[in-house]
């Protein structure tokens, strides 16, 4: 996979320190496949914005926790982002990445009819982390995340979209691809392997 060779720090390791993932309809299964490929000692923190029903009361985070050996946390406001943790945005809150390495939660207006919104997470992460980011857009039925992918690409991060032909609902990854700001279009199995490789060579 060319991205592994293309995105190296000068010392030979990966410069990436954070992973942000967005998904909606079909995204849970896509995330499951990705997480299966990650080792138990995967060090890069992962922040996941998934479109949730307002009545979700931690159910999504509990389900994700059953899919991985990583530590899964439903994010709290001002919570420090830690290595080896996966954070999910709670229902009816936007999740943001702050410059001080913590998570922010917001009840600002819905973006793309969604809260949490993928664009909100991705755009805040681009401002906070720049080229230290890996961003992944998964299956979904809206264009949420397309603007955020552009922000991360502009900041120098690595941008990845699930191959629409492998997505249960291809609208979301296709919208990101159509921006021209996606570096890699991969199957979920390939995404998982790439993240595992980048995590192995990361200099945190």
C-alpha atoms as a PDB file:
ATOM      1  CA  UNK A   1       0.000   0.000   0.000  1.00  0.00           C
ATOM      2  CA  UNK A   2       1.655   3.183  -1.175  1.00  0.00           C
ATOM      3  CA  UNK A   3       0.405   5.313   1.726  1.00  0.00           C
ATOM      4  CA  UNK A   4       2.745   3.534   4.140  1.00  0.00           C
ATOM      5  CA  UNK A   5       5.755   4.563   2.064  1.00  0.00           C
ATOM      6  CA  UNK A   6       4.393   7.989   1.194  1.00  0.00           C
ATOM      7  CA  UNK A   7       3.742   9.230   4.700  1.00  0.00           C
ATOM      8  CA  UNK A   8       6.944   8.654   6.630  1.00  0.00           C
ATOM      9  CA  UNK A   9       8.678  11.019   8.995  1.00  0.00           C
ATOM     10  CA  UNK A  10      12.300  11.850   8.271  1.00  0.00           C
ATOM     11  CA  UNK A  11      13.499   9.331  10.838  1.00  0.00           C
ATOM     12  CA  UNK A  12      11.735   6.500   9.049  1.00  0.00           C
ATOM     13  CA  UNK A  13       8.773   6.155  11.423  1.00  0.00           C
ATOM     14  CA  UNK A  14       5.221   7.293  11.024  1.00  0.00           C
ATOM     15  CA  UNK A  15       4.503  10.889  12.028  1.00  0.00           C
ATOM     16  CA  UNK A  16       0.859  10.135  12.819  1.00  0.00           C
ATOM     17  CA  UNK A  17      -0.381  10.431  16.396  1.00  0.00           C
ATOM     18  CA  UNK A  18      -4.178  10.348  16.168  1.00  0.00           C
ATOM     19  CA  UNK A  19      -6.859   8.564  14.143  1.00  0.00           C
ATOM     20  CA  UNK A  20     -10.301  10.072  13.532  1.00  0.00           C
ATOM     21  CA  UNK A  21     -13.069   7.969  12.013  1.00  0.00           C
ATOM     22  CA  UNK A  22     -16.533   8.906  10.799  1.00  0.00           C
ATOM     23  CA  UNK A  23     -19.398   6.657   9.834  1.00  0.00           C
ATOM     24  CA  UNK A  24     -23.145   6.245   9.694  1.00  0.00           C
ATOM     25  CA  UNK A  25     -25.388   3.606   8.108  1.00  0.00           C
ATOM     26  CA  UNK A  26     -23.252   0.495   7.630  1.00  0.00           C
ATOM     27  CA  UNK A  27     -20.396   2.047   9.562  1.00  0.00           C
ATOM     28  CA  UNK A  28     -20.585  -0.282  12.553  1.00  0.00           C
ATOM     29  CA  UNK A  29     -19.746  -3.348  10.477  1.00  0.00           C
ATOM     30  CA  UNK A  30     -17.014  -1.456   8.637  1.00  0.00           C
ATOM     31  CA  UNK A  31     -15.501  -0.362  11.958  1.00  0.00           C
ATOM     32  CA  UNK A  32     -15.668  -3.943  13.260  1.00  0.00           C
ATOM     33  CA  UNK A  33     -13.521  -5.197  10.387  1.00  0.00           C
ATOM     34  CA  UNK A  34     -10.980  -2.412  10.892  1.00  0.00           C
ATOM     35  CA  UNK A  35     -10.707  -3.001  14.635  1.00  0.00           C
ATOM     36  CA  UNK A  36     -10.157  -6.732  14.116  1.00  0.00           C
ATOM     37  CA  UNK A  37      -6.919  -5.902  12.296  1.00  0.00           C
ATOM     38  CA  UNK A  38      -5.484  -3.803  15.123  1.00  0.00           C
ATOM     39  CA  UNK A  39      -3.164  -5.376  17.705  1.00  0.00           C
ATOM     40  CA  UNK A  40      -4.019  -5.197  21.388  1.00  0.00           C
ATOM     41  CA  UNK A  41      -1.099  -2.798  21.909  1.00  0.00           C
ATOM     42  CA  UNK A  42      -2.196  -0.397  19.136  1.00  0.00           C
ATOM     43  CA  UNK A  43      -1.049   2.921  20.569  1.00  0.00           C
ATOM     44  CA  UNK A  44      -2.661   5.608  18.416  1.00  0.00           C
ATOM     45  CA  UNK A  45      -5.770   7.092  20.049  1.00  0.00           C
ATOM     46  CA  UNK A  46      -8.904   6.726  17.922  1.00  0.00           C
ATOM     47  CA  UNK A  47     -11.837   9.150  17.981  1.00  0.00           C
ATOM     48  CA  UNK A  48     -15.044   7.940  16.319  1.00  0.00           C
ATOM     49  CA  UNK A  49     -17.971  10.141  15.312  1.00  0.00           C
ATOM     50  CA  UNK A  50     -20.921   7.947  14.362  1.00  0.00           C
ATOM     51  CA  UNK A  51     -24.422   9.180  13.678  1.00  0.00           C
ATOM     52  CA  UNK A  52     -26.506   8.042  16.659  1.00  0.00           C
ATOM     53  CA  UNK A  53     -30.152   8.169  17.621  1.00  0.00           C
ATOM     54  CA  UNK A  54     -30.742  10.750  20.352  1.00  0.00           C
ATOM     55  CA  UNK A  55     -31.983   7.996  22.670  1.00  0.00           C
ATOM     56  CA  UNK A  56     -28.652   6.143  22.637  1.00  0.00           C
ATOM     57  CA  UNK A  57     -27.405   6.081  26.215  1.00  0.00           C
ATOM     58  CA  UNK A  58     -23.991   4.524  25.865  1.00  0.00           C
ATOM     59  CA  UNK A  59     -25.218   1.572  23.831  1.00  0.00           C
ATOM     60  CA  UNK A  60     -23.006   2.359  20.848  1.00  0.00           C
ATOM     61  CA  UNK A  61     -19.865   2.610  22.991  1.00  0.00           C
ATOM     62  CA  UNK A  62     -20.753  -0.641  24.747  1.00  0.00           C
ATOM     63  CA  UNK A  63     -21.208  -2.383  21.407  1.00  0.00           C
ATOM     64  CA  UNK A  64     -17.880  -1.076  20.061  1.00  0.00           C
ATOM     65  CA  UNK A  65     -16.182  -2.288  23.236  1.00  0.00           C
ATOM     66  CA  UNK A  66     -17.255  -5.816  22.331  1.00  0.00           C
ATOM     67  CA  UNK A  67     -15.557  -5.495  18.938  1.00  0.00           C
ATOM     68  CA  UNK A  68     -12.036  -4.679  20.105  1.00  0.00           C
ATOM     69  CA  UNK A  69      -9.420  -5.274  22.765  1.00  0.00           C
ATOM     70  CA  UNK A  70      -8.711  -1.534  22.920  1.00  0.00           C
ATOM     71  CA  UNK A  71     -10.078   0.511  25.810  1.00  0.00           C
ATOM     72  CA  UNK A  72     -13.360   2.059  24.617  1.00  0.00           C
ATOM     73  CA  UNK A  73     -14.691   5.200  26.282  1.00  0.00           C
ATOM     74  CA  UNK A  74     -17.784   7.264  25.615  1.00  0.00           C
ATOM     75  CA  UNK A  75     -16.135  10.678  25.662  1.00  0.00           C
ATOM     76  CA  UNK A  76     -16.617  13.254  28.423  1.00  0.00           C
ATOM     77  CA  UNK A  77     -15.958  16.971  28.101  1.00  0.00           C
ATOM     78  CA  UNK A  78     -12.332  17.974  28.829  1.00  0.00           C
ATOM     79  CA  UNK A  79     -11.238  14.334  28.953  1.00  0.00           C
ATOM     80  CA  UNK A  80      -7.529  13.911  28.109  1.00  0.00           C
ATOM     81  CA  UNK A  81      -6.898  11.775  25.022  1.00  0.00           C
ATOM     82  CA  UNK A  82      -4.803   8.738  25.965  1.00  0.00           C
ATOM     83  CA  UNK A  83      -2.791   6.218  23.998  1.00  0.00           C
ATOM     84  CA  UNK A  84      -4.475   2.912  23.283  1.00  0.00           C
ATOM     85  CA  UNK A  85      -7.969   4.314  23.812  1.00  0.00           C
ATOM     86  CA  UNK A  86     -10.911   4.564  21.442  1.00  0.00           C
ATOM     87  CA  UNK A  87     -13.333   7.415  22.142  1.00  0.00           C
ATOM     88  CA  UNK A  88     -16.884   7.567  20.828  1.00  0.00           C
ATOM     89  CA  UNK A  89     -18.929  10.733  20.633  1.00  0.00           C
ATOM     90  CA  UNK A  90     -22.054  10.529  22.812  1.00  0.00           C
ATOM     91  CA  UNK A  91     -25.506  10.925  21.300  1.00  0.00           C
ATOM     92  CA  UNK A  92     -26.707  14.507  20.845  1.00  0.00           C
ATOM     93  CA  UNK A  93     -23.245  16.037  21.366  1.00  0.00           C
ATOM     94  CA  UNK A  94     -20.603  17.130  18.897  1.00  0.00           C
ATOM     95  CA  UNK A  95     -17.177  15.732  19.780  1.00  0.00           C
ATOM     96  CA  UNK A  96     -14.171  17.960  19.125  1.00  0.00           C
ATOM     97  CA  UNK A  97     -10.431  17.581  19.511  1.00  0.00           C
ATOM     98  CA  UNK A  98      -8.850  20.436  21.461  1.00  0.00           C
ATOM     99  CA  UNK A  99      -5.354  21.863  20.978  1.00  0.00           C
ATOM    100  CA  UNK A 100      -4.345  20.755  24.488  1.00  0.00           C
ATOM    101  CA  UNK A 101      -4.899  17.098  23.637  1.00  0.00           C
ATOM    102  CA  UNK A 102      -8.297  16.790  25.267  1.00  0.00           C
ATOM    103  CA  UNK A 103     -11.826  16.168  24.016  1.00  0.00           C
ATOM    104  CA  UNK A 104     -14.479  18.854  23.890  1.00  0.00           C
ATOM    105  CA  UNK A 105     -18.227  18.251  23.753  1.00  0.00           C
ATOM    106  CA  UNK A 106     -20.702  20.742  22.333  1.00  0.00           C
ATOM    107  CA  UNK A 107     -24.461  21.051  21.944  1.00  0.00           C
ATOM    108  CA  UNK A 108     -24.148  23.557  19.100  1.00  0.00           C
ATOM    109  CA  UNK A 109     -26.605  23.215  16.222  1.00  0.00           C
ATOM    110  CA  UNK A 110     -26.651  20.035  14.175  1.00  0.00           C
ATOM    111  CA  UNK A 111     -24.304  19.916  11.188  1.00  0.00           C
ATOM    112  CA  UNK A 112     -25.476  17.885   8.198  1.00  0.00           C
ATOM    113  CA  UNK A 113     -28.555  17.097  10.324  1.00  0.00           C
ATOM    114  CA  UNK A 114     -26.294  15.273  12.766  1.00  0.00           C
ATOM    115  CA  UNK A 115     -24.932  15.642  16.277  1.00  0.00           C
ATOM    116  CA  UNK A 116     -22.331  14.224  16.613  1.00  0.00           C
ATOM    117  CA  UNK A 117     -21.173  15.449  13.218  1.00  0.00           C
ATOM    118  CA  UNK A 118     -18.164  14.002  11.452  1.00  0.00           C
ATOM    119  CA  UNK A 119     -17.296  17.371   9.930  1.00  0.00           C
ATOM    120  CA  UNK A 120     -17.142  18.960  13.391  1.00  0.00           C
ATOM    121  CA  UNK A 121     -14.739  16.304  14.673  1.00  0.00           C
ATOM    122  CA  UNK A 122     -12.562  16.333  11.570  1.00  0.00           C
ATOM    123  CA  UNK A 123     -12.348  20.116  11.267  1.00  0.00           C
ATOM    124  CA  UNK A 124     -11.477  20.551  14.944  1.00  0.00           C
ATOM    125  CA  UNK A 125      -8.865  17.794  14.679  1.00  0.00           C
ATOM    126  CA  UNK A 126      -7.304  19.475  11.639  1.00  0.00           C
ATOM    127  CA  UNK A 127      -6.893  22.681  13.647  1.00  0.00           C
ATOM    128  CA  UNK A 128      -5.556  20.857  16.700  1.00  0.00           C
ATOM    129  CA  UNK A 129      -3.232  18.278  15.133  1.00  0.00           C
ATOM    130  CA  UNK A 130      -2.547  19.135  11.501  1.00  0.00           C
ATOM    131  CA  UNK A 131      -0.369  16.597   9.726  1.00  0.00           C
ATOM    132  CA  UNK A 132      -0.321  14.229  12.714  1.00  0.00           C
ATOM    133  CA  UNK A 133      -3.791  12.965  11.762  1.00  0.00           C
ATOM    134  CA  UNK A 134      -5.142   9.949   9.938  1.00  0.00           C
ATOM    135  CA  UNK A 135      -8.798  10.419   8.927  1.00  0.00           C
ATOM    136  CA  UNK A 136     -11.099   7.639   7.766  1.00  0.00           C
ATOM    137  CA  UNK A 137     -14.582   7.969   6.222  1.00  0.00           C
ATOM    138  CA  UNK A 138     -16.753   4.860   6.327  1.00  0.00           C
ATOM    139  CA  UNK A 139     -20.149   3.785   5.039  1.00  0.00           C
ATOM    140  CA  UNK A 140     -22.986   6.275   5.432  1.00  0.00           C
ATOM    141  CA  UNK A 141     -25.935   7.931   3.754  1.00  0.00           C
ATOM    142  CA  UNK A 142     -24.975  11.629   3.807  1.00  0.00           C
ATOM    143  CA  UNK A 143     -22.118  13.913   2.803  1.00  0.00           C
ATOM    144  CA  UNK A 144     -21.065  14.478   6.419  1.00  0.00           C
ATOM    145  CA  UNK A 145     -17.276  14.308   6.658  1.00  0.00           C
ATOM    146  CA  UNK A 146     -16.528  15.598   3.154  1.00  0.00           C
ATOM    147  CA  UNK A 147     -15.702  19.119   4.371  1.00  0.00           C
ATOM    148  CA  UNK A 148     -13.719  17.676   7.250  1.00  0.00           C
ATOM    149  CA  UNK A 149     -11.694  15.472   4.930  1.00  0.00           C
ATOM    150  CA  UNK A 150     -10.775  18.584   2.943  1.00  0.00           C
ATOM    151  CA  UNK A 151      -9.658  20.361   6.123  1.00  0.00           C
ATOM    152  CA  UNK A 152      -7.454  17.445   7.160  1.00  0.00           C
ATOM    153  CA  UNK A 153      -5.975  17.122   3.680  1.00  0.00           C
ATOM    154  CA  UNK A 154      -5.167  20.859   3.680  1.00  0.00           C
ATOM    155  CA  UNK A 155      -3.508  20.468   7.088  1.00  0.00           C
ATOM    156  CA  UNK A 156      -1.266  17.698   5.743  1.00  0.00           C
ATOM    157  CA  UNK A 157      -2.954  14.669   7.306  1.00  0.00           C
ATOM    158  CA  UNK A 158      -3.564  11.302   5.666  1.00  0.00           C
ATOM    159  CA  UNK A 159      -7.107  10.911   4.326  1.00  0.00           C
ATOM    160  CA  UNK A 160      -8.741   7.554   3.652  1.00  0.00           C
ATOM    161  CA  UNK A 161     -12.171   6.552   2.359  1.00  0.00           C
ATOM    162  CA  UNK A 162     -13.762   3.134   2.412  1.00  0.00           C
ATOM    163  CA  UNK A 163     -14.092   1.819  -1.106  1.00  0.00           C
ATOM    164  CA  UNK A 164     -17.734   2.641  -1.970  1.00  0.00           C
ATOM    165  CA  UNK A 165     -18.105  -0.720  -3.695  1.00  0.00           C
ATOM    166  CA  UNK A 166     -17.517  -2.400  -0.315  1.00  0.00           C
ATOM    167  CA  UNK A 167     -19.766  -0.046   1.662  1.00  0.00           C
ATOM    168  CA  UNK A 168     -23.278  -0.966   2.739  1.00  0.00           C
ATOM    169  CA  UNK A 169     -24.225   2.662   2.043  1.00  0.00           C
ATOM    170  CA  UNK A 170     -21.720   4.247  -0.371  1.00  0.00           C
ATOM    171  CA  UNK A 171     -22.939   7.868  -0.311  1.00  0.00           C
ATOM    172  CA  UNK A 172     -20.643   9.093   2.459  1.00  0.00           C
ATOM    173  CA  UNK A 173     -17.319   7.693   1.231  1.00  0.00           C
ATOM    174  CA  UNK A 174     -18.192   8.668  -2.338  1.00  0.00           C
ATOM    175  CA  UNK A 175     -18.915  12.265  -1.264  1.00  0.00           C
ATOM    176  CA  UNK A 176     -15.474  12.417   0.358  1.00  0.00           C
ATOM    177  CA  UNK A 177     -13.801  10.922  -2.709  1.00  0.00           C
ATOM    178  CA  UNK A 178     -15.572  13.417  -4.971  1.00  0.00           C
ATOM    179  CA  UNK A 179     -13.833  16.301  -3.167  1.00  0.00           C
ATOM    180  CA  UNK A 180     -10.483  15.159  -4.564  1.00  0.00           C
ATOM    181  CA  UNK A 181      -9.027  15.300  -1.040  1.00  0.00           C
ATOM    182  CA  UNK A 182      -8.836  11.545  -0.345  1.00  0.00           C
ATOM    183  CA  UNK A 183      -5.366   9.990  -0.461  1.00  0.00           C
ATOM    184  CA  UNK A 184      -6.407   6.343  -0.318  1.00  0.00           C
ATOM    185  CA  UNK A 185      -9.563   4.436  -1.287  1.00  0.00           C
ATOM    186  CA  UNK A 186      -9.364   1.054   0.448  1.00  0.00           C
ATOM    187  CA  UNK A 187     -11.444  -1.867   1.620  1.00  0.00           C
ATOM    188  CA  UNK A 188     -12.039  -2.071   5.353  1.00  0.00           C
ATOM    189  CA  UNK A 189      -9.550  -4.936   5.593  1.00  0.00           C
ATOM    190  CA  UNK A 190      -6.905  -2.788   3.898  1.00  0.00           C
ATOM    191  CA  UNK A 191      -7.706   0.175   6.154  1.00  0.00           C
ATOM    192  CA  UNK A 192      -7.209  -1.988   9.216  1.00  0.00           C
ATOM    193  CA  UNK A 193      -3.864  -3.291   7.985  1.00  0.00           C
ATOM    194  CA  UNK A 194      -2.668   0.193   7.110  1.00  0.00           C
ATOM    195  CA  UNK A 195      -3.593   1.592  10.519  1.00  0.00           C
ATOM    196  CA  UNK A 196      -1.852  -1.333  12.208  1.00  0.00           C
ATOM    197  CA  UNK A 197       1.315  -0.625  10.207  1.00  0.00           C
ATOM    198  CA  UNK A 198       1.228   3.091  10.953  1.00  0.00           C
ATOM    199  CA  UNK A 199       0.694   2.357  14.625  1.00  0.00           C
ATOM    200  CA  UNK A 200       3.717   0.045  14.731  1.00  0.00           C
ATOM    201  CA  UNK A 201       5.994   2.732  13.315  1.00  0.00           C
ATOM    202  CA  UNK A 202       4.500   5.713  15.148  1.00  0.00           C
ATOM    203  CA  UNK A 203       6.792   7.914  17.216  1.00  0.00           C
ATOM    204  CA  UNK A 204       4.494   9.116  20.007  1.00  0.00           C
END
